[in-house]
């Protein structure tokens, strides 16, 4: 997966936990720079980060030992509800 195009256009990876991408792409993960307020279909969503952490996304018990635990929001809930957290390996 290439996240930076040679012409200098920066791309981001939204909803990718740090452990799912190689270290080369960690600076492109959206949790590094997304604001707390979003506008979706002309509606303002204040404190979007809290909304995601309070049910829309989740982390597994194995995530608690990851160095990005405080920053990473984990995957959207649907994914681990179906497949579990085994593939999410904490970064030391």
PDB file of N, CA and C in Angstrom:
ATOM      1  N   UNK A   1       0.845  -1.178   0.000  1.00  0.00           N
ATOM      2  CA  UNK A   1       0.000   0.000   0.000  1.00  0.00           C
ATOM      3  C   UNK A   1       0.887   1.238   0.000  1.00  0.00           C
ATOM      4  N   UNK A   2       0.689   2.137  -0.936  1.00  0.00           N
ATOM      5  CA  UNK A   2       1.456   3.370  -0.990  1.00  0.00           C
ATOM      6  C   UNK A   2       0.560   4.512  -0.554  1.00  0.00           C
ATOM      7  N   UNK A   3       0.992   5.238   0.471  1.00  0.00           N
ATOM      8  CA  UNK A   3       0.168   6.322   0.987  1.00  0.00           C
ATOM      9  C   UNK A   3       0.656   7.708   0.585  1.00  0.00           C
ATOM     10  N   UNK A   4       1.826   7.816   0.033  1.00  0.00           N
ATOM     11  CA  UNK A   4       2.281   9.099  -0.470  1.00  0.00           C
ATOM     12  C   UNK A   4       2.575   8.954  -1.950  1.00  0.00           C
ATOM     13  N   UNK A   5       1.996   9.827  -2.731  1.00  0.00           N
ATOM     14  CA  UNK A   5       2.195   9.807  -4.174  1.00  0.00           C
ATOM     15  C   UNK A   5       3.445  10.627  -4.483  1.00  0.00           C
ATOM     16  N   UNK A   6       4.189  10.222  -5.475  1.00  0.00           N
ATOM     17  CA  UNK A   6       5.464  10.846  -5.797  1.00  0.00           C
ATOM     18  C   UNK A   6       5.373  12.344  -6.055  1.00  0.00           C
ATOM     19  N   UNK A   7       4.221  12.880  -6.398  1.00  0.00           N
ATOM     20  CA  UNK A   7       4.088  14.310  -6.669  1.00  0.00           C
ATOM     21  C   UNK A   7       3.866  15.113  -5.393  1.00  0.00           C
ATOM     22  N   UNK A   8       3.976  14.474  -4.245  1.00  0.00           N
ATOM     23  CA  UNK A   8       3.901  15.182  -2.982  1.00  0.00           C
ATOM     24  C   UNK A   8       2.516  15.309  -2.392  1.00  0.00           C
ATOM     25  N   UNK A   9       1.559  14.632  -2.922  1.00  0.00           N
ATOM     26  CA  UNK A   9       0.207  14.663  -2.365  1.00  0.00           C
ATOM     27  C   UNK A   9       0.159  13.710  -1.177  1.00  0.00           C
ATOM     28  N   UNK A  10      -0.294  14.209  -0.054  1.00  0.00           N
ATOM     29  CA  UNK A  10      -0.344  13.391   1.149  1.00  0.00           C
ATOM     30  C   UNK A  10      -1.709  12.715   1.270  1.00  0.00           C
ATOM     31  N   UNK A  11      -1.691  11.455   1.552  1.00  0.00           N
ATOM     32  CA  UNK A  11      -2.925  10.691   1.773  1.00  0.00           C
ATOM     33  C   UNK A  11      -2.945  10.227   3.213  1.00  0.00           C
ATOM     34  N   UNK A  12      -4.130   9.912   3.705  1.00  0.00           N
ATOM     35  CA  UNK A  12      -4.227   9.429   5.074  1.00  0.00           C
ATOM     36  C   UNK A  12      -4.967   8.100   5.115  1.00  0.00           C
ATOM     37  N   UNK A  13      -4.758   7.400   6.204  1.00  0.00           N
ATOM     38  CA  UNK A  13      -5.416   6.114   6.431  1.00  0.00           C
ATOM     39  C   UNK A  13      -6.359   6.291   7.612  1.00  0.00           C
ATOM     40  N   UNK A  14      -7.653   6.286   7.350  1.00  0.00           N
ATOM     41  CA  UNK A  14      -8.640   6.473   8.405  1.00  0.00           C
ATOM     42  C   UNK A  14      -9.141   5.104   8.850  1.00  0.00           C
ATOM     43  N   UNK A  15      -9.254   4.921  10.153  1.00  0.00           N
ATOM     44  CA  UNK A  15      -9.776   3.693  10.753  1.00  0.00           C
ATOM     45  C   UNK A  15      -8.803   2.523  10.645  1.00  0.00           C
ATOM     46  N   UNK A  16      -7.528   2.810  10.525  1.00  0.00           N
ATOM     47  CA  UNK A  16      -6.508   1.772  10.555  1.00  0.00           C
ATOM     48  C   UNK A  16      -5.774   1.856  11.884  1.00  0.00           C
ATOM     49  N   UNK A  17      -5.912   0.867  12.751  1.00  0.00           N
ATOM     50  CA  UNK A  17      -5.089   0.861  13.957  1.00  0.00           C
ATOM     51  C   UNK A  17      -3.608   0.809  13.568  1.00  0.00           C
ATOM     52  N   UNK A  18      -2.761   1.397  14.390  1.00  0.00           N
ATOM     53  CA  UNK A  18      -1.329   1.466  14.095  1.00  0.00           C
ATOM     54  C   UNK A  18      -0.742   0.087  13.804  1.00  0.00           C
ATOM     55  N   UNK A  19      -1.189  -0.928  14.506  1.00  0.00           N
ATOM     56  CA  UNK A  19      -0.618  -2.270  14.356  1.00  0.00           C
ATOM     57  C   UNK A  19      -0.970  -2.926  13.028  1.00  0.00           C
ATOM     58  N   UNK A  20      -1.864  -2.332  12.254  1.00  0.00           N
ATOM     59  CA  UNK A  20      -2.234  -2.929  10.967  1.00  0.00           C
ATOM     60  C   UNK A  20      -1.407  -2.385   9.806  1.00  0.00           C
ATOM     61  N   UNK A  21      -0.590  -1.370  10.070  1.00  0.00           N
ATOM     62  CA  UNK A  21       0.255  -0.783   9.036  1.00  0.00           C
ATOM     63  C   UNK A  21       1.708  -0.798   9.499  1.00  0.00           C
ATOM     64  N   UNK A  22       2.618  -0.807   8.553  1.00  0.00           N
ATOM     65  CA  UNK A  22       4.033  -0.769   8.925  1.00  0.00           C
ATOM     66  C   UNK A  22       4.389   0.625   9.447  1.00  0.00           C
ATOM     67  N   UNK A  23       5.463   0.690  10.190  1.00  0.00           N
ATOM     68  CA  UNK A  23       5.901   1.940  10.818  1.00  0.00           C
ATOM     69  C   UNK A  23       6.037   3.078   9.803  1.00  0.00           C
ATOM     70  N   UNK A  24       6.367   2.753   8.594  1.00  0.00           N
ATOM     71  CA  UNK A  24       6.523   3.746   7.528  1.00  0.00           C
ATOM     72  C   UNK A  24       5.276   4.612   7.360  1.00  0.00           C
ATOM     73  N   UNK A  25       4.101   4.080   7.663  1.00  0.00           N
ATOM     74  CA  UNK A  25       2.840   4.782   7.431  1.00  0.00           C
ATOM     75  C   UNK A  25       2.191   5.355   8.695  1.00  0.00           C
ATOM     76  N   UNK A  26       2.814   5.202   9.838  1.00  0.00           N
ATOM     77  CA  UNK A  26       2.193   5.661  11.082  1.00  0.00           C
ATOM     78  C   UNK A  26       1.871   7.153  11.069  1.00  0.00           C
ATOM     79  N   UNK A  27       2.685   7.965  10.422  1.00  0.00           N
ATOM     80  CA  UNK A  27       2.402   9.407  10.365  1.00  0.00           C
ATOM     81  C   UNK A  27       1.199   9.727   9.490  1.00  0.00           C
ATOM     82  N   UNK A  28       0.742   8.771   8.696  1.00  0.00           N
ATOM     83  CA  UNK A  28      -0.407   8.993   7.809  1.00  0.00           C
ATOM     84  C   UNK A  28      -1.731   8.557   8.437  1.00  0.00           C
ATOM     85  N   UNK A  29      -1.702   8.035   9.637  1.00  0.00           N
ATOM     86  CA  UNK A  29      -2.926   7.570  10.289  1.00  0.00           C
ATOM     87  C   UNK A  29      -3.703   8.776  10.811  1.00  0.00           C
ATOM     88  N   UNK A  30      -4.967   8.821  10.495  1.00  0.00           N
ATOM     89  CA  UNK A  30      -5.779  10.009  10.745  1.00  0.00           C
ATOM     90  C   UNK A  30      -5.901  10.386  12.218  1.00  0.00           C
ATOM     91  N   UNK A  31      -5.799   9.449  13.131  1.00  0.00           N
ATOM     92  CA  UNK A  31      -5.902   9.792  14.551  1.00  0.00           C
ATOM     93  C   UNK A  31      -4.810  10.756  14.998  1.00  0.00           C
ATOM     94  N   UNK A  32      -3.764  10.888  14.204  1.00  0.00           N
ATOM     95  CA  UNK A  32      -2.690  11.828  14.527  1.00  0.00           C
ATOM     96  C   UNK A  32      -3.109  13.283  14.368  1.00  0.00           C
ATOM     97  N   UNK A  33      -4.120  13.566  13.553  1.00  0.00           N
ATOM     98  CA  UNK A  33      -4.407  14.963  13.254  1.00  0.00           C
ATOM     99  C   UNK A  33      -5.879  15.316  13.049  1.00  0.00           C
ATOM    100  N   UNK A  34      -6.809  14.393  13.182  1.00  0.00           N
ATOM    101  CA  UNK A  34      -8.224  14.731  12.978  1.00  0.00           C
ATOM    102  C   UNK A  34      -8.735  15.661  14.086  1.00  0.00           C
ATOM    103  N   UNK A  35      -9.549  16.643  13.736  1.00  0.00           N
ATOM    104  CA  UNK A  35     -10.123  17.534  14.753  1.00  0.00           C
ATOM    105  C   UNK A  35     -11.241  16.842  15.530  1.00  0.00           C
ATOM    106  N   UNK A  36     -11.648  17.462  16.638  1.00  0.00           N
ATOM    107  CA  UNK A  36     -12.729  16.909  17.455  1.00  0.00           C
ATOM    108  C   UNK A  36     -14.108  17.137  16.849  1.00  0.00           C
ATOM    109  N   UNK A  37     -14.245  18.125  15.977  1.00  0.00           N
ATOM    110  CA  UNK A  37     -15.542  18.465  15.384  1.00  0.00           C
ATOM    111  C   UNK A  37     -15.527  18.167  13.892  1.00  0.00           C
ATOM    112  N   UNK A  38     -16.588  17.531  13.428  1.00  0.00           N
ATOM    113  CA  UNK A  38     -16.738  17.185  12.018  1.00  0.00           C
ATOM    114  C   UNK A  38     -18.088  17.669  11.522  1.00  0.00           C
ATOM    115  N   UNK A  39     -18.183  17.867  10.227  1.00  0.00           N
ATOM    116  CA  UNK A  39     -19.454  18.156   9.587  1.00  0.00           C
ATOM    117  C   UNK A  39     -19.738  17.022   8.617  1.00  0.00           C
ATOM    118  N   UNK A  40     -20.828  16.323   8.833  1.00  0.00           N
ATOM    119  CA  UNK A  40     -21.230  15.221   7.967  1.00  0.00           C
ATOM    120  C   UNK A  40     -22.648  15.511   7.493  1.00  0.00           C
ATOM    121  N   UNK A  41     -22.806  15.633   6.194  1.00  0.00           N
ATOM    122  CA  UNK A  41     -24.105  15.949   5.600  1.00  0.00           C
ATOM    123  C   UNK A  41     -24.753  17.154   6.275  1.00  0.00           C
ATOM    124  N   UNK A  42     -23.991  18.234   6.389  1.00  0.00           N
ATOM    125  CA  UNK A  42     -24.450  19.502   6.966  1.00  0.00           C
ATOM    126  C   UNK A  42     -24.803  19.429   8.443  1.00  0.00           C
ATOM    127  N   UNK A  43     -24.438  18.363   9.122  1.00  0.00           N
ATOM    128  CA  UNK A  43     -24.670  18.279  10.568  1.00  0.00           C
ATOM    129  C   UNK A  43     -23.329  18.331  11.283  1.00  0.00           C
ATOM    130  N   UNK A  44     -23.283  19.135  12.316  1.00  0.00           N
ATOM    131  CA  UNK A  44     -22.057  19.258  13.094  1.00  0.00           C
ATOM    132  C   UNK A  44     -22.005  18.155  14.149  1.00  0.00           C
ATOM    133  N   UNK A  45     -20.916  17.411  14.164  1.00  0.00           N
ATOM    134  CA  UNK A  45     -20.696  16.390  15.183  1.00  0.00           C
ATOM    135  C   UNK A  45     -19.581  16.875  16.095  1.00  0.00           C
ATOM    136  N   UNK A  46     -19.956  17.390  17.257  1.00  0.00           N
ATOM    137  CA  UNK A  46     -18.954  17.856  18.206  1.00  0.00           C
ATOM    138  C   UNK A  46     -18.416  16.665  18.988  1.00  0.00           C
ATOM    139  N   UNK A  47     -17.176  16.772  19.352  1.00  0.00           N
ATOM    140  CA  UNK A  47     -16.493  15.743  20.130  1.00  0.00           C
ATOM    141  C   UNK A  47     -16.610  14.367  19.465  1.00  0.00           C
ATOM    142  N   UNK A  48     -16.299  14.327  18.190  1.00  0.00           N
ATOM    143  CA  UNK A  48     -16.370  13.099  17.402  1.00  0.00           C
ATOM    144  C   UNK A  48     -15.452  12.015  17.956  1.00  0.00           C
ATOM    145  N   UNK A  49     -14.301  12.415  18.499  1.00  0.00           N
ATOM    146  CA  UNK A  49     -13.383  11.432  19.083  1.00  0.00           C
ATOM    147  C   UNK A  49     -14.050  10.689  20.247  1.00  0.00           C
ATOM    148  N   UNK A  50     -14.774  11.410  21.081  1.00  0.00           N
ATOM    149  CA  UNK A  50     -15.441  10.753  22.216  1.00  0.00           C
ATOM    150  C   UNK A  50     -16.551   9.822  21.727  1.00  0.00           C
ATOM    151  N   UNK A  51     -17.263  10.225  20.697  1.00  0.00           N
ATOM    152  CA  UNK A  51     -18.301   9.379  20.116  1.00  0.00           C
ATOM    153  C   UNK A  51     -17.708   8.052  19.656  1.00  0.00           C
ATOM    154  N   UNK A  52     -16.569   8.119  18.977  1.00  0.00           N
ATOM    155  CA  UNK A  52     -15.926   6.896  18.500  1.00  0.00           C
ATOM    156  C   UNK A  52     -15.444   6.032  19.657  1.00  0.00           C
ATOM    157  N   UNK A  53     -14.864   6.649  20.683  1.00  0.00           N
ATOM    158  CA  UNK A  53     -14.346   5.873  21.812  1.00  0.00           C
ATOM    159  C   UNK A  53     -15.453   5.311  22.696  1.00  0.00           C
ATOM    160  N   UNK A  54     -16.638   5.891  22.649  1.00  0.00           N
ATOM    161  CA  UNK A  54     -17.749   5.442  23.486  1.00  0.00           C
ATOM    162  C   UNK A  54     -18.699   4.511  22.740  1.00  0.00           C
ATOM    163  N   UNK A  55     -18.180   3.704  21.837  1.00  0.00           N
ATOM    164  CA  UNK A  55     -19.039   2.710  21.232  1.00  0.00           C
ATOM    165  C   UNK A  55     -18.868   2.459  19.758  1.00  0.00           C
ATOM    166  N   UNK A  56     -18.438   3.450  18.989  1.00  0.00           N
ATOM    167  CA  UNK A  56     -18.317   3.250  17.552  1.00  0.00           C
ATOM    168  C   UNK A  56     -17.053   2.465  17.200  1.00  0.00           C
ATOM    169  N   UNK A  57     -16.006   2.666  17.981  1.00  0.00           N
ATOM    170  CA  UNK A  57     -14.748   1.931  17.814  1.00  0.00           C
ATOM    171  C   UNK A  57     -14.417   1.287  19.153  1.00  0.00           C
ATOM    172  N   UNK A  58     -13.554   0.279  19.106  1.00  0.00           N
ATOM    173  CA  UNK A  58     -13.154  -0.306  20.379  1.00  0.00           C
ATOM    174  C   UNK A  58     -11.785  -0.954  20.278  1.00  0.00           C
ATOM    175  N   UNK A  59     -11.188  -1.129  21.429  1.00  0.00           N
ATOM    176  CA  UNK A  59      -9.894  -1.796  21.523  1.00  0.00           C
ATOM    177  C   UNK A  59     -10.077  -3.089  22.303  1.00  0.00           C
ATOM    178  N   UNK A  60      -9.179  -4.023  22.069  1.00  0.00           N
ATOM    179  CA  UNK A  60      -9.216  -5.299  22.777  1.00  0.00           C
ATOM    180  C   UNK A  60      -8.328  -5.278  24.008  1.00  0.00           C
ATOM    181  N   UNK A  61      -8.433  -6.295  24.821  1.00  0.00           N
ATOM    182  CA  UNK A  61      -7.597  -6.351  26.028  1.00  0.00           C
ATOM    183  C   UNK A  61      -6.118  -6.417  25.662  1.00  0.00           C
ATOM    184  N   UNK A  62      -5.786  -7.052  24.537  1.00  0.00           N
ATOM    185  CA  UNK A  62      -4.385  -7.104  24.116  1.00  0.00           C
ATOM    186  C   UNK A  62      -3.861  -5.727  23.711  1.00  0.00           C
ATOM    187  N   UNK A  63      -4.734  -4.797  23.378  1.00  0.00           N
ATOM    188  CA  UNK A  63      -4.329  -3.453  22.972  1.00  0.00           C
ATOM    189  C   UNK A  63      -3.761  -2.640  24.137  1.00  0.00           C
ATOM    190  N   UNK A  64      -4.097  -3.002  25.350  1.00  0.00           N
ATOM    191  CA  UNK A  64      -3.683  -2.222  26.512  1.00  0.00           C
ATOM    192  C   UNK A  64      -2.176  -2.177  26.711  1.00  0.00           C
ATOM    193  N   UNK A  65      -1.444  -3.116  26.131  1.00  0.00           N
ATOM    194  CA  UNK A  65       0.009  -3.110  26.269  1.00  0.00           C
ATOM    195  C   UNK A  65       0.706  -2.439  25.087  1.00  0.00           C
ATOM    196  N   UNK A  66      -0.051  -1.936  24.125  1.00  0.00           N
ATOM    197  CA  UNK A  66       0.517  -1.291  22.935  1.00  0.00           C
ATOM    198  C   UNK A  66       0.987   0.121  23.267  1.00  0.00           C
ATOM    199  N   UNK A  67       2.082   0.535  22.656  1.00  0.00           N
ATOM    200  CA  UNK A  67       2.596   1.879  22.920  1.00  0.00           C
ATOM    201  C   UNK A  67       1.669   2.973  22.375  1.00  0.00           C
ATOM    202  N   UNK A  68       0.738   2.622  21.505  1.00  0.00           N
ATOM    203  CA  UNK A  68      -0.213   3.590  20.964  1.00  0.00           C
ATOM    204  C   UNK A  68      -1.587   3.508  21.629  1.00  0.00           C
ATOM    205  N   UNK A  69      -1.694   2.818  22.755  1.00  0.00           N
ATOM    206  CA  UNK A  69      -2.996   2.586  23.386  1.00  0.00           C
ATOM    207  C   UNK A  69      -3.760   3.888  23.660  1.00  0.00           C
ATOM    208  N   UNK A  70      -3.124   4.914  24.115  1.00  0.00           N
ATOM    209  CA  UNK A  70      -3.803   6.176  24.405  1.00  0.00           C
ATOM    210  C   UNK A  70      -4.186   6.969  23.175  1.00  0.00           C
ATOM    211  N   UNK A  71      -3.532   6.702  22.054  1.00  0.00           N
ATOM    212  CA  UNK A  71      -3.764   7.444  20.825  1.00  0.00           C
ATOM    213  C   UNK A  71      -4.661   6.690  19.845  1.00  0.00           C
ATOM    214  N   UNK A  72      -4.496   5.396  19.758  1.00  0.00           N
ATOM    215  CA  UNK A  72      -5.232   4.573  18.802  1.00  0.00           C
ATOM    216  C   UNK A  72      -6.662   4.333  19.289  1.00  0.00           C
ATOM    217  N   UNK A  73      -7.597   4.456  18.401  1.00  0.00           N
ATOM    218  CA  UNK A  73      -9.005   4.236  18.751  1.00  0.00           C
ATOM    219  C   UNK A  73      -9.441   2.804  18.520  1.00  0.00           C
ATOM    220  N   UNK A  74      -8.601   2.009  17.865  1.00  0.00           N
ATOM    221  CA  UNK A  74      -8.978   0.648  17.522  1.00  0.00           C
ATOM    222  C   UNK A  74      -9.839   0.637  16.279  1.00  0.00           C
ATOM    223  N   UNK A  75     -10.262  -0.523  15.847  1.00  0.00           N
ATOM    224  CA  UNK A  75     -11.099  -0.625  14.652  1.00  0.00           C
ATOM    225  C   UNK A  75     -12.559  -0.263  14.960  1.00  0.00           C
ATOM    226  N   UNK A  76     -13.336  -0.008  13.900  1.00  0.00           N
ATOM    227  CA  UNK A  76     -14.775   0.144  14.070  1.00  0.00           C
ATOM    228  C   UNK A  76     -15.313  -1.152  14.661  1.00  0.00           C
ATOM    229  N   UNK A  77     -16.287  -1.071  15.524  1.00  0.00           N
ATOM    230  CA  UNK A  77     -16.786  -2.217  16.299  1.00  0.00           C
ATOM    231  C   UNK A  77     -17.197  -3.421  15.455  1.00  0.00           C
ATOM    232  N   UNK A  78     -17.737  -3.186  14.294  1.00  0.00           N
ATOM    233  CA  UNK A  78     -18.220  -4.294  13.468  1.00  0.00           C
ATOM    234  C   UNK A  78     -17.133  -5.319  13.172  1.00  0.00           C
ATOM    235  N   UNK A  79     -15.917  -4.849  12.926  1.00  0.00           N
ATOM    236  CA  UNK A  79     -14.849  -5.774  12.532  1.00  0.00           C
ATOM    237  C   UNK A  79     -14.493  -6.753  13.651  1.00  0.00           C
ATOM    238  N   UNK A  80     -14.110  -6.288  14.835  1.00  0.00           N
ATOM    239  CA  UNK A  80     -13.769  -7.261  15.884  1.00  0.00           C
ATOM    240  C   UNK A  80     -14.980  -8.052  16.387  1.00  0.00           C
ATOM    241  N   UNK A  81     -16.179  -7.509  16.245  1.00  0.00           N
ATOM    242  CA  UNK A  81     -17.364  -8.273  16.638  1.00  0.00           C
ATOM    243  C   UNK A  81     -17.490  -9.534  15.779  1.00  0.00           C
ATOM    244  N   UNK A  82     -17.050  -9.453  14.542  1.00  0.00           N
ATOM    245  CA  UNK A  82     -17.114 -10.601  13.632  1.00  0.00           C
ATOM    246  C   UNK A  82     -15.840 -11.444  13.701  1.00  0.00           C
ATOM    247  N   UNK A  83     -14.671 -10.787  13.660  1.00  0.00           N
ATOM    248  CA  UNK A  83     -13.405 -11.501  13.513  1.00  0.00           C
ATOM    249  C   UNK A  83     -12.550 -11.580  14.778  1.00  0.00           C
ATOM    250  N   UNK A  84     -12.896 -10.820  15.805  1.00  0.00           N
ATOM    251  CA  UNK A  84     -12.112 -10.824  17.030  1.00  0.00           C
ATOM    252  C   UNK A  84     -10.898  -9.913  16.956  1.00  0.00           C
ATOM    253  N   UNK A  85     -10.061  -9.984  18.000  1.00  0.00           N
ATOM    254  CA  UNK A  85      -8.891  -9.114  18.110  1.00  0.00           C
ATOM    255  C   UNK A  85      -7.566  -9.841  17.933  1.00  0.00           C
ATOM    256  N   UNK A  86      -7.586 -11.124  17.602  1.00  0.00           N
ATOM    257  CA  UNK A  86      -6.342 -11.899  17.536  1.00  0.00           C
ATOM    258  C   UNK A  86      -5.308 -11.320  16.580  1.00  0.00           C
ATOM    259  N   UNK A  87      -5.730 -10.741  15.479  1.00  0.00           N
ATOM    260  CA  UNK A  87      -4.783 -10.238  14.499  1.00  0.00           C
ATOM    261  C   UNK A  87      -4.172  -8.893  14.891  1.00  0.00           C
ATOM    262  N   UNK A  88      -4.709  -8.242  15.904  1.00  0.00           N
ATOM    263  CA  UNK A  88      -4.201  -6.950  16.348  1.00  0.00           C
ATOM    264  C   UNK A  88      -3.116  -7.205  17.388  1.00  0.00           C
ATOM    265  N   UNK A  89      -1.875  -7.070  16.974  1.00  0.00           N
ATOM    266  CA  UNK A  89      -0.734  -7.382  17.836  1.00  0.00           C
ATOM    267  C   UNK A  89      -0.161  -6.075  18.376  1.00  0.00           C
ATOM    268  N   UNK A  90      -0.107  -5.916  19.692  1.00  0.00           N
ATOM    269  CA  UNK A  90       0.383  -4.675  20.284  1.00  0.00           C
ATOM    270  C   UNK A  90       1.803  -4.338  19.827  1.00  0.00           C
ATOM    271  N   UNK A  91       2.056  -3.058  19.636  1.00  0.00           N
ATOM    272  CA  UNK A  91       3.380  -2.570  19.270  1.00  0.00           C
ATOM    273  C   UNK A  91       4.095  -2.220  20.557  1.00  0.00           C
ATOM    274  N   UNK A  92       5.268  -2.746  20.728  1.00  0.00           N
ATOM    275  CA  UNK A  92       6.043  -2.490  21.966  1.00  0.00           C
ATOM    276  C   UNK A  92       6.948  -1.299  21.805  1.00  0.00           C
TER     277      UNK A  92
END
